[in-house]
Structures are given as structure tokens and as C-alpha cells.
Amino acid sequence: MSNLLLSYSPPSIAIEIASRRLTVVELSAGAKPSVTAYASEPLVPDAVMPALVGPNIPNPVAVGDALKRALDRAGLRSPRRAAIVVPDSVARVTMMSFEHLPAKAADVEQLIRWQLKKSMPFPIEEAQISYFVVKGSAPGQTVVATAARRDVLAQYEAVAAAAGIHAGVVDLASFNVMNALLGAGATAAADTLVVCLASEATTLAILRGQDLMFYRHRAALENEPLGALVHQTAMYHEDRLGGTSFARVVLCGAALAGGAAQFQIGIADRLGITAEPVDVRSAAGLRDRISVTPEVLDALAAPVGVLLRERKAA
């Protein structure tokens, strides 16, 4: 999955700034990486309010204090660089199909900007654009494009900068939950439904092997229950992607949201398959001092995913 800002060397530390918590993770080097440090701190209400436009971090002091506490608890002394994971709601993700793409990356970006211009709620000139091509999309080419306002991303980067940390990478939470699954080799050739829950929104994605085939993000304000979203996604999977049933359903964020069992029952009732919680331990081991709970596994998923992705890309 693509990143919003490019990095030239892989970071070893990731910071996820979510609407209700801030998490820091350090990943060791080596063929079998391990989570060597971890801490997650709750955020005061409305300290972070993810959105495409406007103030996203109305209380930067509270978020900065949470970052300092998390770094201290994790035993991370003055890191200089980190990957930053931000909520899905700060960006617009669009899947678009082309018969052919230009050879030059700059021309591809111009084509994407032209396609997105009419649908964005802010001037496209103010957008940071990233994209990747779905490898299994022939004939033709499917591009997954991510657009976010630069000034919105800058608010998240500023939290790290206030602590003396340069944000070498900025990326979306759901993309990196999927990166964690890919890093664990947890996606079969058959189709996997990935459900990411946050207090402000729900994201659903379909992976066919390692290829992203479907992406949908819905704000909680739209008041669509999870069961309805899962049902609609299953119908798209059957009607448009030629799918039958999902080989796996992976659920992230349910433990942090509370009521994980209720979410799992709702998905099982719709799809006839049990949703399993995301678990990064097949991709990255955990040091003994890190207690393994469903909440910790939820919190680790996206930060570990971005670090694994950057390591692979380096």
C-alpha cells in the first residue's frame, strides 16, 4: 500500500495518532523483526478530530504531552525520525481504471490530479497525492490514489516536530493494517475482507492475494451500521469482483472500540464466517515485557505495518 510522503531510508519507530489514542512502536532490524518497544496513551476528548479539511488537532499541547509520555514509557529517548500513521478520515482514497498509463511518474500524477479535480472538496493544487498500481489489474491498469491536504498532514507532522522528530513517512491507518497482514503472509490467493474500526469511521477493503480490489470509507456520522456495510461490500464482491465467499475476514479496532464479540457476531451473521482479530505476531515478534491483549494487538497493527512496508521498500 502506498505512502503519502516518500522516505529514503526505513525508520525503526512509528507513531500512530488516532482520534482517541497515541501509540509508539519500535521495530528491530533483522530477517525476523521484533517489536522492541511499545506504548499507547489515551487522548483527551476532541484533542484529535480527523477530517479532510480544517483543524484536525485542536489541542496540540495535549497530543504532544501524550507523545512524550508514550516515548518515555516505551523507553525511547529522543528519536530523530519516525513514520507517522494518521486516521483514514484525513484523506480521500479513490480507485480508478485506465487502459494505459504514461511512462513518466510525473505524467501519471498529472493524470490522477485531473481525474480527482472535480470530486475533491478542496482545490487539487493543495493536495498531497500518492498512488500505486494494482499489480493484478490487467487488462488495463487500476490505480489506487490517495489525496490529502498538505496543511492537514502538516498538523500531524507538527506534533512529532515539537518533540524533535522528523516525519519521514506519513500514511493511513487502514493501509498499514493491510501491510501488517501482507508482512505476515496472512493473505491467501483467495479473497480477504479487512474491516478497520475507529470511533469516527469504518473502513472496509478487499484483498485478492496481495492486490487491493476494493476500498470503502464511511464516517460514523453517516449512521450506517457495520452489518449493512459488510452486506453491501459482500454484494459488490459477488457482483463486480466475481467472488463467492471470503476466505478470511480480519477485524482491527474492535477491541479498542469495545464490544469486539458483538462486532464478530454481526459479521458472522451476515457472512457465515468468523471475523478474526488482526495479529502482527506472525510478521514481528513481541519482546517478553509487552503484554499481549486484544487491545495491544489492535494498537500495534498499523504502526508495525508501516515499518514493515518501509523496510521492504528500502
C-alpha atoms as a PDB file:
ATOM      1  CA  MET A   1       0.000   0.000   0.000  1.00  0.00           C
ATOM      2  CA  SER A   2       1.328   3.433  -0.849  1.00  0.00           C
ATOM      3  CA  ASN A   3       2.546   6.186   1.427  1.00  0.00           C
ATOM      4  CA  LEU A   4       1.700   9.874   1.330  1.00  0.00           C
ATOM      5  CA  LEU A   5       5.254  11.081   1.793  1.00  0.00           C
ATOM      6  CA  LEU A   6       8.275   9.231   0.466  1.00  0.00           C
ATOM      7  CA  SER A   7      11.132   8.045   2.663  1.00  0.00           C
ATOM      8  CA  TYR A   8      14.710   7.255   1.561  1.00  0.00           C
ATOM      9  CA  SER A   9      15.716   5.022   4.481  1.00  0.00           C
ATOM     10  CA  PRO A  10      13.396   2.897   6.583  1.00  0.00           C
ATOM     11  CA  PRO A  11      12.538   4.266  10.021  1.00  0.00           C
ATOM     12  CA  SER A  12      12.581   1.961  13.039  1.00  0.00           C
ATOM     13  CA  ILE A  13       9.959   3.906  15.000  1.00  0.00           C
ATOM     14  CA  ALA A  14       6.324   4.587  14.149  1.00  0.00           C
ATOM     15  CA  ILE A  15       3.846   6.931  15.800  1.00  0.00           C
ATOM     16  CA  GLU A  16       0.131   6.480  15.259  1.00  0.00           C
ATOM     17  CA  ILE A  17      -2.042   9.495  16.066  1.00  0.00           C
ATOM     18  CA  ALA A  18      -5.638   8.308  16.247  1.00  0.00           C
ATOM     19  CA  SER A  19      -8.721  10.146  17.453  1.00  0.00           C
ATOM     20  CA  ARG A  20      -8.649   8.643  20.947  1.00  0.00           C
ATOM     21  CA  ARG A  21      -5.105   7.394  21.477  1.00  0.00           C
ATOM     22  CA  LEU A  22      -1.474   7.845  20.505  1.00  0.00           C
ATOM     23  CA  THR A  23       0.777   4.809  20.030  1.00  0.00           C
ATOM     24  CA  VAL A  24       4.537   4.487  19.568  1.00  0.00           C
ATOM     25  CA  VAL A  25       6.279   1.331  18.335  1.00  0.00           C
ATOM     26  CA  GLU A  26       9.914   0.433  17.715  1.00  0.00           C
ATOM     27  CA  LEU A  27      10.819  -2.462  15.416  1.00  0.00           C
ATOM     28  CA  SER A  28      14.169  -4.221  15.468  1.00  0.00           C
ATOM     29  CA  ALA A  29      16.226  -4.993  12.379  1.00  0.00           C
ATOM     30  CA  GLY A  30      16.848  -8.484  11.051  1.00  0.00           C
ATOM     31  CA  ALA A  31      15.191 -11.174   8.995  1.00  0.00           C
ATOM     32  CA  LYS A  32      12.617 -11.707  11.746  1.00  0.00           C
ATOM     33  CA  PRO A  33      11.909  -8.281  13.228  1.00  0.00           C
ATOM     34  CA  SER A  34      10.573  -7.837  16.750  1.00  0.00           C
ATOM     35  CA  VAL A  35       8.635  -5.098  18.491  1.00  0.00           C
ATOM     36  CA  THR A  36      11.268  -3.932  20.965  1.00  0.00           C
ATOM     37  CA  ALA A  37       9.309  -1.011  22.428  1.00  0.00           C
ATOM     38  CA  TYR A  38       5.638  -0.114  22.638  1.00  0.00           C
ATOM     39  CA  ALA A  39       3.374   2.276  24.492  1.00  0.00           C
ATOM     40  CA  SER A  40      -0.106   3.645  23.893  1.00  0.00           C
ATOM     41  CA  GLU A  41      -1.576   6.690  25.613  1.00  0.00           C
ATOM     42  CA  PRO A  42      -5.234   7.772  25.683  1.00  0.00           C
ATOM     43  CA  LEU A  43      -6.048  11.235  24.373  1.00  0.00           C
ATOM     44  CA  VAL A  44      -8.426  13.687  25.984  1.00  0.00           C
ATOM     45  CA  PRO A  45     -11.755  14.103  24.137  1.00  0.00           C
ATOM     46  CA  ASP A  46     -11.574  16.201  20.955  1.00  0.00           C
ATOM     47  CA  ALA A  47      -7.787  16.546  21.082  1.00  0.00           C
ATOM     48  CA  VAL A  48      -7.738  14.935  17.609  1.00  0.00           C
ATOM     49  CA  MET A  49     -10.693  15.348  15.239  1.00  0.00           C
ATOM     50  CA  PRO A  50      -9.830  13.629  11.922  1.00  0.00           C
ATOM     51  CA  ALA A  51     -11.253  15.300   8.820  1.00  0.00           C
ATOM     52  CA  LEU A  52     -10.368  16.107   5.213  1.00  0.00           C
ATOM     53  CA  VAL A  53     -10.322  19.840   5.898  1.00  0.00           C
ATOM     54  CA  GLY A  54      -9.982  22.184   8.831  1.00  0.00           C
ATOM     55  CA  PRO A  55      -8.354  21.788  12.239  1.00  0.00           C
ATOM     56  CA  ASN A  56      -7.540  18.131  12.909  1.00  0.00           C
ATOM     57  CA  ILE A  57      -5.585  18.665  16.106  1.00  0.00           C
ATOM     58  CA  PRO A  58      -7.339  21.461  18.034  1.00  0.00           C
ATOM     59  CA  ASN A  59      -5.371  20.568  21.191  1.00  0.00           C
ATOM     60  CA  PRO A  60      -1.757  20.056  20.067  1.00  0.00           C
ATOM     61  CA  VAL A  61      -0.445  20.511  23.611  1.00  0.00           C
ATOM     62  CA  ALA A  62      -2.440  17.515  24.871  1.00  0.00           C
ATOM     63  CA  VAL A  63      -1.333  15.386  21.904  1.00  0.00           C
ATOM     64  CA  GLY A  64       2.283  16.466  22.354  1.00  0.00           C
ATOM     65  CA  ASP A  65       2.146  15.594  26.049  1.00  0.00           C
ATOM     66  CA  ALA A  66       0.725  12.157  25.193  1.00  0.00           C
ATOM     67  CA  LEU A  67       3.579  11.614  22.743  1.00  0.00           C
ATOM     68  CA  LYS A  68       6.165  12.496  25.386  1.00  0.00           C
ATOM     69  CA  ARG A  69       4.541  10.123  27.891  1.00  0.00           C
ATOM     70  CA  ALA A  70       4.385   7.312  25.331  1.00  0.00           C
ATOM     71  CA  LEU A  71       8.033   7.760  24.338  1.00  0.00           C
ATOM     72  CA  ASP A  72       9.048   7.771  27.998  1.00  0.00           C
ATOM     73  CA  ARG A  73       7.023   4.647  28.836  1.00  0.00           C
ATOM     74  CA  ALA A  74       8.433   2.867  25.781  1.00  0.00           C
ATOM     75  CA  GLY A  75      11.977   3.823  26.790  1.00  0.00           C
ATOM     76  CA  LEU A  76      12.596   5.676  23.519  1.00  0.00           C
ATOM     77  CA  ARG A  77      14.941   8.550  24.191  1.00  0.00           C
ATOM     78  CA  SER A  78      14.865  11.394  21.670  1.00  0.00           C
ATOM     79  CA  PRO A  79      14.284   9.536  18.381  1.00  0.00           C
ATOM     80  CA  ARG A  80      15.121  11.713  15.381  1.00  0.00           C
ATOM     81  CA  ARG A  81      12.902  10.094  12.727  1.00  0.00           C
ATOM     82  CA  ALA A  82       9.625   8.233  12.712  1.00  0.00           C
ATOM     83  CA  ALA A  83       6.856   7.082  10.417  1.00  0.00           C
ATOM     84  CA  ILE A  84       3.559   8.766  11.227  1.00  0.00           C
ATOM     85  CA  VAL A  85       0.274   6.866  10.883  1.00  0.00           C
ATOM     86  CA  VAL A  86      -2.808   9.064  10.589  1.00  0.00           C
ATOM     87  CA  PRO A  87      -6.551   8.330  10.578  1.00  0.00           C
ATOM     88  CA  ASP A  88      -8.174   7.271   7.298  1.00  0.00           C
ATOM     89  CA  SER A  89     -10.530  10.241   7.524  1.00  0.00           C
ATOM     90  CA  VAL A  90      -7.767  12.745   6.703  1.00  0.00           C
ATOM     91  CA  ALA A  91      -7.532  11.551   3.081  1.00  0.00           C
ATOM     92  CA  ARG A  92      -9.685  10.576   0.124  1.00  0.00           C
ATOM     93  CA  VAL A  93      -8.827   7.178  -1.380  1.00  0.00           C
ATOM     94  CA  THR A  94     -10.032   6.610  -4.942  1.00  0.00           C
ATOM     95  CA  MET A  95      -9.685   3.573  -7.185  1.00  0.00           C
ATOM     96  CA  MET A  96      -9.640   4.425 -10.892  1.00  0.00           C
ATOM     97  CA  SER A  97      -9.100   2.387 -14.057  1.00  0.00           C
ATOM     98  CA  PHE A  98      -7.087   3.307 -17.147  1.00  0.00           C
ATOM     99  CA  GLU A  99      -6.422   1.493 -20.380  1.00  0.00           C
ATOM    100  CA  HIS A 100      -2.842   2.749 -20.341  1.00  0.00           C
ATOM    101  CA  LEU A 101      -0.687   4.861 -18.046  1.00  0.00           C
ATOM    102  CA  PRO A 102       2.038   7.304 -19.113  1.00  0.00           C
ATOM    103  CA  ALA A 103       5.618   6.092 -18.786  1.00  0.00           C
ATOM    104  CA  LYS A 104       6.714   9.027 -16.606  1.00  0.00           C
ATOM    105  CA  ALA A 105       5.628   9.197 -12.954  1.00  0.00           C
ATOM    106  CA  ALA A 106       5.095  12.964 -13.192  1.00  0.00           C
ATOM    107  CA  ASP A 107       2.669  12.461 -16.071  1.00  0.00           C
ATOM    108  CA  VAL A 108       0.796   9.777 -14.134  1.00  0.00           C
ATOM    109  CA  GLU A 109       0.377  12.158 -11.203  1.00  0.00           C
ATOM    110  CA  GLN A 110      -0.904  14.898 -13.504  1.00  0.00           C
ATOM    111  CA  LEU A 111      -3.445  12.465 -14.958  1.00  0.00           C
ATOM    112  CA  ILE A 112      -4.583  11.472 -11.474  1.00  0.00           C
ATOM    113  CA  ARG A 113      -4.884  15.098 -10.382  1.00  0.00           C
ATOM    114  CA  TRP A 114      -7.009  15.854 -13.441  1.00  0.00           C
ATOM    115  CA  GLN A 115      -9.301  12.899 -12.639  1.00  0.00           C
ATOM    116  CA  LEU A 116      -9.644  13.875  -8.975  1.00  0.00           C
ATOM    117  CA  LYS A 117     -10.093  17.604  -9.508  1.00  0.00           C
ATOM    118  CA  LYS A 118     -13.884  17.650  -9.733  1.00  0.00           C
ATOM    119  CA  SER A 119     -14.519  15.276  -6.832  1.00  0.00           C
ATOM    120  CA  MET A 120     -12.265  16.797  -4.171  1.00  0.00           C
ATOM    121  CA  PRO A 121     -13.776  19.111  -1.538  1.00  0.00           C
ATOM    122  CA  PHE A 122     -10.729  21.384  -1.717  1.00  0.00           C
ATOM    123  CA  PRO A 123      -8.531  22.727  -4.533  1.00  0.00           C
ATOM    124  CA  ILE A 124      -6.466  19.917  -6.019  1.00  0.00           C
ATOM    125  CA  GLU A 125      -3.445  22.247  -6.006  1.00  0.00           C
ATOM    126  CA  GLU A 126      -3.475  21.990  -2.193  1.00  0.00           C
ATOM    127  CA  ALA A 127      -3.387  18.193  -2.225  1.00  0.00           C
ATOM    128  CA  GLN A 128      -0.557  15.811  -1.472  1.00  0.00           C
ATOM    129  CA  ILE A 129      -1.069  12.923  -3.917  1.00  0.00           C
ATOM    130  CA  SER A 130       0.299   9.398  -3.762  1.00  0.00           C
ATOM    131  CA  TYR A 131      -0.685   6.350  -5.756  1.00  0.00           C
ATOM    132  CA  PHE A 132       0.119   2.755  -6.544  1.00  0.00           C
ATOM    133  CA  VAL A 133      -0.897   0.458  -9.385  1.00  0.00           C
ATOM    134  CA  VAL A 134      -2.769  -2.732  -8.529  1.00  0.00           C
ATOM    135  CA  LYS A 135      -0.498  -5.435  -9.913  1.00  0.00           C
ATOM    136  CA  GLY A 136      -3.215  -7.928 -10.729  1.00  0.00           C
ATOM    137  CA  SER A 137      -5.488  -5.469 -12.540  1.00  0.00           C
ATOM    138  CA  ALA A 138      -4.708  -6.391 -16.181  1.00  0.00           C
ATOM    139  CA  PRO A 139      -6.187  -5.969 -18.728  1.00  0.00           C
ATOM    140  CA  GLY A 140      -5.975  -2.236 -18.224  1.00  0.00           C
ATOM    141  CA  GLN A 141      -4.498  -0.764 -15.068  1.00  0.00           C
ATOM    142  CA  THR A 142      -6.181   0.103 -11.774  1.00  0.00           C
ATOM    143  CA  VAL A 143      -4.645   2.916  -9.762  1.00  0.00           C
ATOM    144  CA  VAL A 144      -5.300   3.494  -6.063  1.00  0.00           C
ATOM    145  CA  ALA A 145      -4.846   7.216  -5.458  1.00  0.00           C
ATOM    146  CA  THR A 146      -4.685   8.930  -2.070  1.00  0.00           C
ATOM    147  CA  ALA A 147      -5.210  12.683  -1.728  1.00  0.00           C
ATOM    148  CA  ALA A 148      -4.895  14.755   1.440  1.00  0.00           C
ATOM    149  CA  ARG A 149      -4.498  18.451   2.052  1.00  0.00           C
ATOM    150  CA  ARG A 150      -0.912  19.377   2.805  1.00  0.00           C
ATOM    151  CA  ASP A 151      -1.929  21.652   5.681  1.00  0.00           C
ATOM    152  CA  VAL A 152      -3.891  18.798   7.310  1.00  0.00           C
ATOM    153  CA  LEU A 153      -0.919  16.424   7.107  1.00  0.00           C
ATOM    154  CA  ALA A 154       1.284  19.215   8.456  1.00  0.00           C
ATOM    155  CA  GLN A 155      -0.756  19.281  11.674  1.00  0.00           C
ATOM    156  CA  TYR A 156       0.176  15.667  12.421  1.00  0.00           C
ATOM    157  CA  GLU A 157       3.788  16.225  11.424  1.00  0.00           C
ATOM    158  CA  ALA A 158       3.924  19.248  13.735  1.00  0.00           C
ATOM    159  CA  VAL A 159       3.174  17.065  16.768  1.00  0.00           C
ATOM    160  CA  ALA A 160       6.263  14.997  16.014  1.00  0.00           C
ATOM    161  CA  ALA A 161       8.331  18.067  15.144  1.00  0.00           C
ATOM    162  CA  ALA A 162       7.551  19.633  18.528  1.00  0.00           C
ATOM    163  CA  ALA A 163       9.212  16.592  20.092  1.00  0.00           C
ATOM    164  CA  GLY A 164      12.232  16.941  17.793  1.00  0.00           C
ATOM    165  CA  ILE A 165      11.139  14.105  15.479  1.00  0.00           C
ATOM    166  CA  HIS A 166      11.168  14.340  11.698  1.00  0.00           C
ATOM    167  CA  ALA A 167       8.212  12.634   9.992  1.00  0.00           C
ATOM    168  CA  GLY A 168       9.918  10.774   7.163  1.00  0.00           C
ATOM    169  CA  VAL A 169       6.713   8.928   6.230  1.00  0.00           C
ATOM    170  CA  VAL A 170       3.036   9.784   6.636  1.00  0.00           C
ATOM    171  CA  ASP A 171       0.482   7.094   5.827  1.00  0.00           C
ATOM    172  CA  LEU A 172      -3.076   5.951   6.514  1.00  0.00           C
ATOM    173  CA  ALA A 173      -4.033   3.536   9.277  1.00  0.00           C
ATOM    174  CA  SER A 174      -6.045   1.073   7.170  1.00  0.00           C
ATOM    175  CA  PHE A 175      -3.343   0.789   4.510  1.00  0.00           C
ATOM    176  CA  ASN A 176      -0.910  -0.274   7.186  1.00  0.00           C
ATOM    177  CA  VAL A 177      -3.218  -2.757   8.844  1.00  0.00           C
ATOM    178  CA  MET A 178      -3.196  -4.365   5.395  1.00  0.00           C
ATOM    179  CA  ASN A 179       0.598  -4.020   5.215  1.00  0.00           C
ATOM    180  CA  ALA A 180       0.825  -5.898   8.522  1.00  0.00           C
ATOM    181  CA  LEU A 181      -1.301  -8.699   7.080  1.00  0.00           C
ATOM    182  CA  LEU A 182       0.850  -8.825   3.955  1.00  0.00           C
ATOM    183  CA  GLY A 183       4.005  -8.820   6.048  1.00  0.00           C
ATOM    184  CA  ALA A 184       2.691 -11.788   7.999  1.00  0.00           C
ATOM    185  CA  GLY A 185       1.929 -13.692   4.816  1.00  0.00           C
ATOM    186  CA  ALA A 186      -1.635 -13.805   6.069  1.00  0.00           C
ATOM    187  CA  THR A 187      -3.441 -13.204   2.770  1.00  0.00           C
ATOM    188  CA  ALA A 188      -4.222 -16.303   0.749  1.00  0.00           C
ATOM    189  CA  ALA A 189      -4.757 -16.364  -3.003  1.00  0.00           C
ATOM    190  CA  ALA A 190      -8.468 -16.268  -2.218  1.00  0.00           C
ATOM    191  CA  ASP A 191     -10.174 -13.070  -1.074  1.00  0.00           C
ATOM    192  CA  THR A 192      -9.808 -11.454   2.351  1.00  0.00           C
ATOM    193  CA  LEU A 193     -12.170  -8.850   3.779  1.00  0.00           C
ATOM    194  CA  VAL A 194     -10.417  -6.357   6.064  1.00  0.00           C
ATOM    195  CA  VAL A 195     -12.568  -4.289   8.433  1.00  0.00           C
ATOM    196  CA  CYS A 196     -10.941  -1.381  10.299  1.00  0.00           C
ATOM    197  CA  LEU A 197     -12.975   0.301  13.031  1.00  0.00           C
ATOM    198  CA  ALA A 198     -12.324   3.730  14.516  1.00  0.00           C
ATOM    199  CA  SER A 199     -14.502   5.917  16.686  1.00  0.00           C
ATOM    200  CA  GLU A 200     -15.143   8.326  13.818  1.00  0.00           C
ATOM    201  CA  ALA A 201     -15.284   5.995  10.816  1.00  0.00           C
ATOM    202  CA  THR A 202     -15.212   2.477   9.380  1.00  0.00           C
ATOM    203  CA  THR A 203     -13.022   1.296   6.507  1.00  0.00           C
ATOM    204  CA  LEU A 204     -13.610  -1.901   4.544  1.00  0.00           C
ATOM    205  CA  ALA A 205     -11.184  -3.343   1.991  1.00  0.00           C
ATOM    206  CA  ILE A 206     -10.948  -6.489  -0.104  1.00  0.00           C
ATOM    207  CA  LEU A 207      -7.572  -8.073  -0.761  1.00  0.00           C
ATOM    208  CA  ARG A 208      -7.192 -10.668  -3.504  1.00  0.00           C
ATOM    209  CA  GLY A 209      -3.889 -12.170  -2.514  1.00  0.00           C
ATOM    210  CA  GLN A 210      -1.695  -9.072  -2.225  1.00  0.00           C
ATOM    211  CA  ASP A 211      -3.845  -6.900  -4.504  1.00  0.00           C
ATOM    212  CA  LEU A 212      -6.284  -4.285  -3.233  1.00  0.00           C
ATOM    213  CA  MET A 213      -9.543  -4.822  -5.124  1.00  0.00           C
ATOM    214  CA  PHE A 214     -11.971  -2.662  -3.127  1.00  0.00           C
ATOM    215  CA  TYR A 215     -11.755   0.195  -0.625  1.00  0.00           C
ATOM    216  CA  ARG A 216     -14.612   1.941   1.147  1.00  0.00           C
ATOM    217  CA  HIS A 217     -14.506   4.500   3.945  1.00  0.00           C
ATOM    218  CA  ARG A 218     -17.605   5.640   5.782  1.00  0.00           C
ATOM    219  CA  ALA A 219     -17.789   8.255   8.540  1.00  0.00           C
ATOM    220  CA  ALA A 220     -19.681   7.327  11.671  1.00  0.00           C
ATOM    221  CA  LEU A 221     -21.871  10.384  11.088  1.00  0.00           C
ATOM    222  CA  GLU A 222     -23.348   8.621   8.067  1.00  0.00           C
ATOM    223  CA  ASN A 223     -25.007   6.263  10.560  1.00  0.00           C
ATOM    224  CA  GLU A 224     -24.619   3.052   8.565  1.00  0.00           C
ATOM    225  CA  PRO A 225     -24.373   0.054  10.904  1.00  0.00           C
ATOM    226  CA  LEU A 226     -21.465  -2.306  10.388  1.00  0.00           C
ATOM    227  CA  GLY A 227     -23.752  -5.137   9.319  1.00  0.00           C
ATOM    228  CA  ALA A 228     -25.137  -3.068   6.465  1.00  0.00           C
ATOM    229  CA  LEU A 229     -21.673  -2.016   5.310  1.00  0.00           C
ATOM    230  CA  VAL A 230     -20.460  -5.615   5.385  1.00  0.00           C
ATOM    231  CA  HIS A 231     -23.519  -6.771   3.438  1.00  0.00           C
ATOM    232  CA  GLN A 232     -23.049  -4.078   0.767  1.00  0.00           C
ATOM    233  CA  THR A 233     -19.380  -4.977   0.454  1.00  0.00           C
ATOM    234  CA  ALA A 234     -20.210  -8.677   0.098  1.00  0.00           C
ATOM    235  CA  MET A 235     -22.704  -7.845  -2.679  1.00  0.00           C
ATOM    236  CA  TYR A 236     -20.049  -5.820  -4.518  1.00  0.00           C
ATOM    237  CA  HIS A 237     -17.603  -8.676  -4.072  1.00  0.00           C
ATOM    238  CA  GLU A 238     -20.063 -11.078  -5.664  1.00  0.00           C
ATOM    239  CA  ASP A 239     -21.490  -8.831  -8.401  1.00  0.00           C
ATOM    240  CA  ARG A 240     -18.450  -6.835  -9.504  1.00  0.00           C
ATOM    241  CA  LEU A 241     -15.440  -8.927  -8.495  1.00  0.00           C
ATOM    242  CA  GLY A 242     -16.805 -12.379  -9.299  1.00  0.00           C
ATOM    243  CA  GLY A 243     -16.313 -13.551  -5.733  1.00  0.00           C
ATOM    244  CA  THR A 244     -18.267 -16.219  -3.918  1.00  0.00           C
ATOM    245  CA  SER A 245     -17.375 -16.189  -0.234  1.00  0.00           C
ATOM    246  CA  PHE A 246     -14.456 -14.647   1.628  1.00  0.00           C
ATOM    247  CA  ALA A 247     -11.652 -16.974   2.657  1.00  0.00           C
ATOM    248  CA  ARG A 248     -10.963 -14.775   5.675  1.00  0.00           C
ATOM    249  CA  VAL A 249     -12.384 -11.758   7.466  1.00  0.00           C
ATOM    250  CA  VAL A 250      -9.903  -9.770   9.549  1.00  0.00           C
ATOM    251  CA  LEU A 251     -11.122  -7.214  12.060  1.00  0.00           C
ATOM    252  CA  CYS A 252      -8.995  -4.398  13.517  1.00  0.00           C
ATOM    253  CA  GLY A 253     -10.030  -1.849  16.124  1.00  0.00           C
ATOM    254  CA  ALA A 254     -12.904  -3.804  17.651  1.00  0.00           C
ATOM    255  CA  ALA A 255     -11.099  -4.435  20.932  1.00  0.00           C
ATOM    256  CA  LEU A 256     -10.149  -0.770  21.279  1.00  0.00           C
ATOM    257  CA  ALA A 257     -13.706   0.261  20.427  1.00  0.00           C
ATOM    258  CA  GLY A 258     -15.164  -2.195  22.951  1.00  0.00           C
ATOM    259  CA  GLY A 259     -17.718  -4.890  22.190  1.00  0.00           C
ATOM    260  CA  ALA A 260     -15.457  -6.969  19.930  1.00  0.00           C
ATOM    261  CA  ALA A 261     -17.636 -10.037  20.364  1.00  0.00           C
ATOM    262  CA  GLN A 262     -20.679  -8.087  19.209  1.00  0.00           C
ATOM    263  CA  PHE A 263     -18.881  -6.961  16.047  1.00  0.00           C
ATOM    264  CA  GLN A 264     -17.757 -10.515  15.341  1.00  0.00           C
ATOM    265  CA  ILE A 265     -21.272 -11.869  15.792  1.00  0.00           C
ATOM    266  CA  GLY A 266     -22.679  -9.236  13.441  1.00  0.00           C
ATOM    267  CA  ILE A 267     -20.174 -10.135  10.718  1.00  0.00           C
ATOM    268  CA  ALA A 268     -20.724 -13.871  11.200  1.00  0.00           C
ATOM    269  CA  ASP A 269     -24.484 -13.394  10.883  1.00  0.00           C
ATOM    270  CA  ARG A 270     -24.025 -11.569   7.561  1.00  0.00           C
ATOM    271  CA  LEU A 271     -21.266 -13.669   6.007  1.00  0.00           C
ATOM    272  CA  GLY A 272     -21.344 -17.022   7.764  1.00  0.00           C
ATOM    273  CA  ILE A 273     -17.644 -16.712   8.657  1.00  0.00           C
ATOM    274  CA  THR A 274     -15.993 -15.730  11.923  1.00  0.00           C
ATOM    275  CA  ALA A 275     -14.041 -12.462  11.855  1.00  0.00           C
ATOM    276  CA  GLU A 276     -10.602 -12.961  13.345  1.00  0.00           C
ATOM    277  CA  PRO A 277      -8.727 -10.161  15.145  1.00  0.00           C
ATOM    278  CA  VAL A 278      -5.616  -8.784  13.494  1.00  0.00           C
ATOM    279  CA  ASP A 279      -2.428 -10.266  14.945  1.00  0.00           C
ATOM    280  CA  VAL A 280       1.018  -8.985  13.900  1.00  0.00           C
ATOM    281  CA  ARG A 281       2.990 -11.690  15.680  1.00  0.00           C
ATOM    282  CA  SER A 282       3.457 -13.767  12.519  1.00  0.00           C
ATOM    283  CA  ALA A 283       5.261 -10.778  10.991  1.00  0.00           C
ATOM    284  CA  ALA A 284       7.005  -9.370  14.053  1.00  0.00           C
ATOM    285  CA  GLY A 285       7.684 -10.962  17.397  1.00  0.00           C
ATOM    286  CA  LEU A 286       6.993  -9.174  20.667  1.00  0.00           C
ATOM    287  CA  ARG A 287       9.524  -8.726  23.448  1.00  0.00           C
ATOM    288  CA  ASP A 288       8.588 -10.513  26.658  1.00  0.00           C
ATOM    289  CA  ARG A 289       7.801  -7.341  28.578  1.00  0.00           C
ATOM    290  CA  ILE A 290       4.989  -6.415  26.164  1.00  0.00           C
ATOM    291  CA  SER A 291       1.728  -7.843  27.463  1.00  0.00           C
ATOM    292  CA  VAL A 292      -0.382  -9.379  24.700  1.00  0.00           C
ATOM    293  CA  THR A 293      -4.036  -8.358  24.877  1.00  0.00           C
ATOM    294  CA  PRO A 294      -6.601  -7.812  22.102  1.00  0.00           C
ATOM    295  CA  GLU A 295      -6.272  -4.056  22.658  1.00  0.00           C
ATOM    296  CA  VAL A 296      -2.482  -4.175  22.288  1.00  0.00           C
ATOM    297  CA  LEU A 297      -2.714  -6.227  19.079  1.00  0.00           C
ATOM    298  CA  ASP A 298      -5.184  -3.703  17.655  1.00  0.00           C
ATOM    299  CA  ALA A 299      -2.898  -0.798  18.557  1.00  0.00           C
ATOM    300  CA  LEU A 300       0.211  -2.483  17.132  1.00  0.00           C
ATOM    301  CA  ALA A 301      -1.247  -3.351  13.718  1.00  0.00           C
ATOM    302  CA  ALA A 302      -0.902  -0.110  11.765  1.00  0.00           C
ATOM    303  CA  PRO A 303       2.441   1.082  13.275  1.00  0.00           C
ATOM    304  CA  VAL A 304       4.027  -2.331  12.692  1.00  0.00           C
ATOM    305  CA  GLY A 305       2.552  -2.412   9.182  1.00  0.00           C
ATOM    306  CA  VAL A 306       4.113   0.879   8.105  1.00  0.00           C
ATOM    307  CA  LEU A 307       7.533  -0.136   9.460  1.00  0.00           C
ATOM    308  CA  LEU A 308       7.393  -3.488   7.668  1.00  0.00           C
ATOM    309  CA  ARG A 309       6.363  -1.810   4.423  1.00  0.00           C
ATOM    310  CA  GLU A 310       9.137   0.766   4.591  1.00  0.00           C
ATOM    311  CA  ARG A 311      11.709  -1.906   5.400  1.00  0.00           C
ATOM    312  CA  LYS A 312      10.626  -3.954   2.386  1.00  0.00           C
ATOM    313  CA  ALA A 313      10.708  -0.904   0.111  1.00  0.00           C
ATOM    314  CA  ALA A 314      14.191   0.205   1.191  1.00  0.00           C
END
